[in-house]
Amino acid sequence: MQDNYIDRMKTEYSDLQNKINKLKSFINSPKALTLQDEKLELLIIQYQVMNEYLSILHARIKLEQYTEI
């Protein structure tokens, strides 16, 4: 059970990390090379943005944990 918003952020962080890992594996696979250039480019941009969002979530979690002490 997710007790509070910090727990929800931690769950979201973990889920997002899994999705990023899967996307990275796909982008680095031979199958990705069969995509149209524009599609692969968009997947790479999506990967970058997802990593930025992951960093923001990490910072928010750290901040909230620090302020709860």
C-alpha atoms as a PDB file:
ATOM      1  CA  MET A   1       0.000   0.000   0.000  1.00  0.00           C
ATOM      2  CA  GLN A   2       1.296   3.409  -0.924  1.00  0.00           C
ATOM      3  CA  ASP A   3       1.038   5.458   2.236  1.00  0.00           C
ATOM      4  CA  ASN A   4       2.004   8.861   0.974  1.00  0.00           C
ATOM      5  CA  TYR A   5       3.159  10.872  -1.982  1.00  0.00           C
ATOM      6  CA  ILE A   6       6.818  10.058  -1.325  1.00  0.00           C
ATOM      7  CA  ASP A   7       6.064   6.351  -1.630  1.00  0.00           C
ATOM      8  CA  ARG A   8       4.161   7.052  -4.847  1.00  0.00           C
ATOM      9  CA  MET A   9       7.130   8.994  -6.216  1.00  0.00           C
ATOM     10  CA  LYS A  10       9.448   6.113  -5.310  1.00  0.00           C
ATOM     11  CA  THR A  11       7.154   3.676  -7.114  1.00  0.00           C
ATOM     12  CA  GLU A  12       6.990   5.972 -10.132  1.00  0.00           C
ATOM     13  CA  TYR A  13      10.791   6.283 -10.078  1.00  0.00           C
ATOM     14  CA  SER A  14      11.233   2.525 -10.070  1.00  0.00           C
ATOM     15  CA  ASP A  15       8.662   1.999 -12.833  1.00  0.00           C
ATOM     16  CA  LEU A  16      10.221   4.707 -14.957  1.00  0.00           C
ATOM     17  CA  GLN A  17      13.688   3.265 -14.439  1.00  0.00           C
ATOM     18  CA  ASN A  18      12.439  -0.106 -15.733  1.00  0.00           C
ATOM     19  CA  LYS A  19      10.877   1.524 -18.793  1.00  0.00           C
ATOM     20  CA  ILE A  20      14.078   3.453 -19.490  1.00  0.00           C
ATOM     21  CA  ASN A  21      16.134   0.270 -19.291  1.00  0.00           C
ATOM     22  CA  LYS A  22      13.807  -1.504 -21.721  1.00  0.00           C
ATOM     23  CA  LEU A  23      13.863   1.416 -24.139  1.00  0.00           C
ATOM     24  CA  LYS A  24      17.659   1.609 -23.965  1.00  0.00           C
ATOM     25  CA  SER A  25      17.910  -2.111 -24.716  1.00  0.00           C
ATOM     26  CA  PHE A  26      15.654  -1.686 -27.721  1.00  0.00           C
ATOM     27  CA  ILE A  27      17.489   1.373 -29.040  1.00  0.00           C
ATOM     28  CA  ASN A  28      20.771  -0.530 -28.829  1.00  0.00           C
ATOM     29  CA  SER A  29      19.376  -3.645 -30.482  1.00  0.00           C
ATOM     30  CA  PRO A  30      19.710  -4.592 -34.159  1.00  0.00           C
ATOM     31  CA  LYS A  31      15.928  -4.337 -34.475  1.00  0.00           C
ATOM     32  CA  ALA A  32      16.100  -0.578 -33.853  1.00  0.00           C
ATOM     33  CA  LEU A  33      18.183  -0.210 -36.995  1.00  0.00           C
ATOM     34  CA  THR A  34      15.228  -1.453 -39.041  1.00  0.00           C
ATOM     35  CA  LEU A  35      13.138   1.565 -38.026  1.00  0.00           C
ATOM     36  CA  GLN A  36      12.751   4.631 -40.161  1.00  0.00           C
ATOM     37  CA  ASP A  37      15.285   7.280 -39.157  1.00  0.00           C
ATOM     38  CA  GLU A  38      12.603   9.631 -37.843  1.00  0.00           C
ATOM     39  CA  LYS A  39      11.096   6.921 -35.625  1.00  0.00           C
ATOM     40  CA  LEU A  40      14.464   6.007 -34.156  1.00  0.00           C
ATOM     41  CA  GLU A  41      15.290   9.661 -33.618  1.00  0.00           C
ATOM     42  CA  LEU A  42      12.022  10.155 -31.726  1.00  0.00           C
ATOM     43  CA  LEU A  43      12.733   7.123 -29.547  1.00  0.00           C
ATOM     44  CA  ILE A  44      16.155   8.529 -28.709  1.00  0.00           C
ATOM     45  CA  ILE A  45      14.604  11.884 -27.782  1.00  0.00           C
ATOM     46  CA  GLN A  46      12.006  10.066 -25.679  1.00  0.00           C
ATOM     47  CA  TYR A  47      14.824   8.193 -23.907  1.00  0.00           C
ATOM     48  CA  GLN A  48      16.607  11.466 -23.131  1.00  0.00           C
ATOM     49  CA  VAL A  49      13.470  13.139 -21.809  1.00  0.00           C
ATOM     50  CA  MET A  50      12.600  10.119 -19.681  1.00  0.00           C
ATOM     51  CA  ASN A  51      16.076  10.318 -18.132  1.00  0.00           C
ATOM     52  CA  GLU A  52      15.590  14.011 -17.400  1.00  0.00           C
ATOM     53  CA  TYR A  53      12.274  13.228 -15.714  1.00  0.00           C
ATOM     54  CA  LEU A  54      13.949  10.444 -13.721  1.00  0.00           C
ATOM     55  CA  SER A  55      16.542  12.947 -12.473  1.00  0.00           C
ATOM     56  CA  ILE A  56      13.810  15.355 -11.424  1.00  0.00           C
ATOM     57  CA  LEU A  57      11.957  12.619  -9.549  1.00  0.00           C
ATOM     58  CA  HIS A  58      15.196  11.639  -7.819  1.00  0.00           C
ATOM     59  CA  ALA A  59      15.819  15.216  -6.730  1.00  0.00           C
ATOM     60  CA  ARG A  60      12.248  15.572  -5.443  1.00  0.00           C
ATOM     61  CA  ILE A  61      12.478  12.344  -3.463  1.00  0.00           C
ATOM     62  CA  LYS A  62      15.797  13.365  -1.910  1.00  0.00           C
ATOM     63  CA  LEU A  63      14.421  16.792  -1.024  1.00  0.00           C
ATOM     64  CA  GLU A  64      11.288  15.367   0.563  1.00  0.00           C
ATOM     65  CA  GLN A  65      13.225  12.802   2.571  1.00  0.00           C
ATOM     66  CA  TYR A  66      15.591  15.489   3.783  1.00  0.00           C
ATOM     67  CA  THR A  67      12.795  17.847   4.827  1.00  0.00           C
ATOM     68  CA  GLU A  68      10.924  15.099   6.704  1.00  0.00           C
ATOM     69  CA  ILE A  69      13.836  14.441   9.083  1.00  0.00           C
END
